[in-house]
Amino acid sequence: MPMDKEKETRTSKFLSLVLRHQPETIHLEIDANGWANVQDLLQKINLYAFELTLNELEFVVSNNSKKRFTFSNDLTRIRASQGHSLEINLELQAETPPPVLYHGTATKNLDS
């Protein structure tokens, strides 16, 4: 079920705040790998911030163009995928980079 764009944006920004930077804002517990319990998150958002349903949370996670959030396979946990200011182990596997790797840089910044 779609939600209005304003609430979608507000929810995404709030999820970024509590899952990437300040979980204490809503007294949310996050484990060493960045996971939070979905039901706990919803309960605390509803208590301390604004009304949010599980369907709305699922909509925001699945429709975020930058894929900022991830559910666990069993959908009981959620975490931010990137950009943490908290010390988080995302359990990513190291890979060997390809022989040629490109990075987009503005021409004016090439000398820096």
Protein backbone atom coordinates (compact mmCIF):
# COMPACT_ATOMS: atom_id res chain seq x y z
CA MET A 1 0.00 0.00 0.00
CA PRO A 2 1.60 3.28 -1.11
CA MET A 3 2.06 6.11 1.34
CA ASP A 4 2.14 9.82 0.71
CA LYS A 5 5.52 11.17 -0.36
CA GLU A 6 5.89 13.45 2.67
CA LYS A 7 5.47 10.58 5.15
CA GLU A 8 7.74 8.34 3.06
CA THR A 9 10.51 10.98 3.15
CA ARG A 10 10.01 11.68 6.86
CA THR A 11 10.11 7.96 7.64
CA SER A 12 13.25 7.39 5.57
CA LYS A 13 15.06 10.29 7.25
CA PHE A 14 13.97 9.13 10.69
CA LEU A 15 15.11 5.56 9.98
CA SER A 16 18.48 6.95 8.90
CA LEU A 17 18.74 8.86 12.15
CA VAL A 18 17.90 5.96 14.46
CA LEU A 19 19.52 3.10 12.52
CA ARG A 20 22.71 4.90 11.42
CA HIS A 21 23.45 7.56 14.01
CA GLN A 22 21.29 7.99 17.13
CA PRO A 23 19.29 4.92 18.19
CA GLU A 24 19.12 6.41 21.67
CA THR A 25 16.70 9.02 20.29
CA ILE A 26 13.94 6.43 20.72
CA HIS A 27 15.75 4.12 23.18
CA LEU A 28 16.36 1.55 20.43
CA GLU A 29 18.79 -1.32 20.94
CA ILE A 30 21.04 -2.14 17.98
CA ASP A 31 23.38 -5.14 18.04
CA ALA A 32 27.05 -5.15 16.98
CA ASN A 33 26.04 -5.87 13.38
CA GLY A 34 23.58 -2.98 13.20
CA TRP A 35 20.39 -5.04 13.53
CA ALA A 36 17.32 -3.83 15.42
CA ASN A 37 14.19 -5.84 16.14
CA VAL A 38 11.43 -4.72 13.75
CA GLN A 39 8.62 -4.89 16.33
CA ASP A 40 10.73 -2.97 18.86
CA LEU A 41 11.53 -0.33 16.22
CA LEU A 42 7.86 0.09 15.28
CA GLN A 43 6.76 0.26 18.91
CA LYS A 44 9.33 2.94 19.72
CA ILE A 45 8.71 5.02 16.59
CA ASN A 46 5.00 4.98 17.45
CA LEU A 47 5.72 5.89 21.07
CA TYR A 48 8.36 8.60 20.60
CA ALA A 49 7.91 9.96 17.07
CA PHE A 50 4.93 9.29 14.79
CA GLU A 51 2.51 6.56 13.74
CA LEU A 52 4.05 3.92 11.48
CA THR A 53 2.69 0.51 10.48
CA LEU A 54 4.62 -2.58 9.42
CA ASN A 55 3.21 -2.19 5.89
CA GLU A 56 4.49 1.40 5.74
CA LEU A 57 7.92 0.34 7.02
CA GLU A 58 8.09 -2.42 4.40
CA PHE A 59 7.08 0.09 1.72
CA VAL A 60 9.84 2.54 2.70
CA VAL A 61 12.49 -0.19 2.79
CA SER A 62 11.50 -1.74 -0.54
CA ASN A 63 11.04 1.57 -2.37
CA ASN A 64 14.13 3.41 -1.15
CA SER A 65 16.04 4.22 -4.35
CA LYS A 66 19.41 4.07 -2.59
CA LYS A 67 18.61 0.80 -0.77
CA ARG A 68 19.56 2.36 2.56
CA PHE A 69 17.81 -0.27 4.69
CA THR A 70 17.73 -4.07 4.78
CA PHE A 71 15.47 -6.60 6.44
CA SER A 72 16.85 -9.91 7.71
CA ASN A 73 15.74 -12.96 5.70
CA ASP A 74 13.02 -13.74 8.25
CA LEU A 75 11.87 -10.07 8.32
CA THR A 76 12.24 -9.84 12.11
CA ARG A 77 15.24 -7.48 12.05
CA ILE A 78 16.18 -4.33 10.15
CA ARG A 79 19.38 -2.34 9.72
CA ALA A 80 20.86 0.49 7.70
CA SER A 81 22.99 -0.77 4.81
CA GLN A 82 25.55 2.04 4.84
CA GLY A 83 26.60 5.39 6.26
CA HIS A 84 26.81 4.60 9.96
CA SER A 85 28.46 6.97 12.38
CA LEU A 86 28.12 4.15 14.93
CA GLU A 87 30.72 1.37 15.13
CA ILE A 88 28.94 -1.39 13.17
CA ASN A 89 30.16 -4.64 11.59
CA LEU A 90 28.03 -5.18 8.48
CA GLU A 91 29.55 -8.66 8.00
CA LEU A 92 30.58 -7.88 4.43
CA GLN A 93 32.97 -10.20 2.60
CA ALA A 94 36.17 -8.68 1.23
CA GLU A 95 36.58 -9.12 -2.51
CA THR A 96 39.47 -8.62 -4.90
CA PRO A 97 38.86 -5.52 -7.01
CA PRO A 98 38.85 -5.86 -10.81
CA PRO A 99 42.02 -4.95 -12.77
CA VAL A 100 40.44 -1.66 -13.84
CA LEU A 101 38.34 0.33 -11.40
CA TYR A 102 36.57 3.59 -12.19
CA HIS A 103 35.63 6.41 -9.83
CA GLY A 104 33.54 9.40 -10.81
CA THR A 105 35.42 12.59 -9.98
CA ALA A 106 34.76 16.11 -11.19
CA THR A 107 37.55 17.41 -13.46
CA LYS A 108 38.17 20.36 -11.13
CA ASN A 109 39.11 17.89 -8.35
CA LEU A 110 41.59 15.75 -10.31
CA ASP A 111 44.68 17.41 -8.81
CA SER A 112 43.55 17.01 -5.20
